[in-house]
């Protein structure tokens, strides 16, 4: 795996982790009746998911650039 692909995978994972944290915050605030704060965290989580998807796509593009469009299967 190229350094660029690995970096995109790491960034995607970081954004997923941030999104999960914001979803947990949204749930906690919702349960407390703080719906505006919950909505803010839910919206922020969506932004992180958008960035995670972007980085995952860039990683996939980098894999194709590095290795061609052939999908490798486990054990093949």
Protein backbone atom coordinates (compact mmCIF):
# COMPACT_ATOMS: atom_id res chain seq x y z
CA UNK A 1 0.00 0.00 0.00
CA UNK A 2 1.32 3.40 -0.90
CA UNK A 3 1.98 6.03 1.73
CA UNK A 4 -0.82 8.19 0.27
CA UNK A 5 -3.36 5.37 0.45
CA UNK A 6 -2.35 4.58 4.03
CA UNK A 7 -2.69 8.25 5.00
CA UNK A 8 -6.19 8.37 3.52
CA UNK A 9 -7.14 5.20 5.40
CA UNK A 10 -5.88 6.73 8.65
CA UNK A 11 -7.78 9.97 8.01
CA UNK A 12 -10.95 8.02 7.19
CA UNK A 13 -10.65 6.09 10.45
CA UNK A 14 -10.06 9.30 12.43
CA UNK A 15 -13.15 10.93 10.95
CA UNK A 16 -15.24 7.81 11.69
CA UNK A 17 -14.03 7.95 15.29
CA UNK A 18 -14.92 11.65 15.55
CA UNK A 19 -18.33 10.95 14.05
CA UNK A 20 -18.96 8.19 16.59
CA UNK A 21 -18.01 10.53 19.43
CA UNK A 22 -20.44 13.18 18.17
CA UNK A 23 -23.21 10.58 17.75
CA UNK A 24 -22.69 9.52 21.37
CA UNK A 25 -22.84 13.17 22.45
CA UNK A 26 -25.99 13.68 20.40
CA UNK A 27 -27.63 10.68 22.04
CA UNK A 28 -26.70 11.84 25.54
CA UNK A 29 -27.99 15.37 24.96
CA UNK A 30 -31.16 14.05 23.34
CA UNK A 31 -31.85 11.86 26.38
CA UNK A 32 -31.36 14.93 28.60
CA UNK A 33 -33.84 16.92 26.50
CA UNK A 34 -31.15 19.23 25.04
CA UNK A 35 -32.42 18.83 21.49
CA UNK A 36 -30.62 21.83 19.99
CA UNK A 37 -27.27 20.63 21.31
CA UNK A 38 -28.10 17.10 20.17
CA UNK A 39 -28.87 18.40 16.69
CA UNK A 40 -25.58 20.28 16.60
CA UNK A 41 -23.64 17.11 17.46
CA UNK A 42 -25.63 15.07 14.93
CA UNK A 43 -24.87 17.64 12.24
CA UNK A 44 -21.17 17.66 13.15
CA UNK A 45 -21.14 13.85 13.00
CA UNK A 46 -22.53 14.00 9.46
CA UNK A 47 -19.70 16.32 8.47
CA UNK A 48 -17.14 13.87 9.81
CA UNK A 49 -18.83 11.02 7.94
CA UNK A 50 -18.65 13.08 4.75
CA UNK A 51 -14.91 13.58 5.26
CA UNK A 52 -14.42 9.89 6.11
CA UNK A 53 -16.16 8.91 2.87
CA UNK A 54 -13.96 11.33 0.94
CA UNK A 55 -10.77 9.83 2.40
CA UNK A 56 -11.98 6.27 1.81
CA UNK A 57 -12.69 7.16 -1.83
CA UNK A 58 -9.26 8.76 -2.22
CA UNK A 59 -7.64 5.66 -0.72
CA UNK A 60 -9.49 3.45 -3.20
CA UNK A 61 -8.41 5.69 -6.09
CA UNK A 62 -4.82 5.49 -4.87
CA UNK A 63 -5.03 1.68 -4.77
CA UNK A 64 -6.20 1.64 -8.39
CA UNK A 65 -3.44 4.03 -9.38
CA UNK A 66 -0.84 1.92 -7.57
CA UNK A 67 -2.07 -1.55 -8.49
CA UNK A 68 -4.45 -1.23 -11.41
CA UNK A 69 -8.14 -2.05 -11.37
CA UNK A 70 -7.70 -5.71 -10.46
CA UNK A 71 -9.40 -6.67 -7.21
CA UNK A 72 -7.35 -9.03 -5.09
CA UNK A 73 -9.12 -11.71 -3.12
CA UNK A 74 -7.87 -13.32 0.06
CA UNK A 75 -5.77 -16.38 -0.60
CA UNK A 76 -5.55 -15.76 -4.34
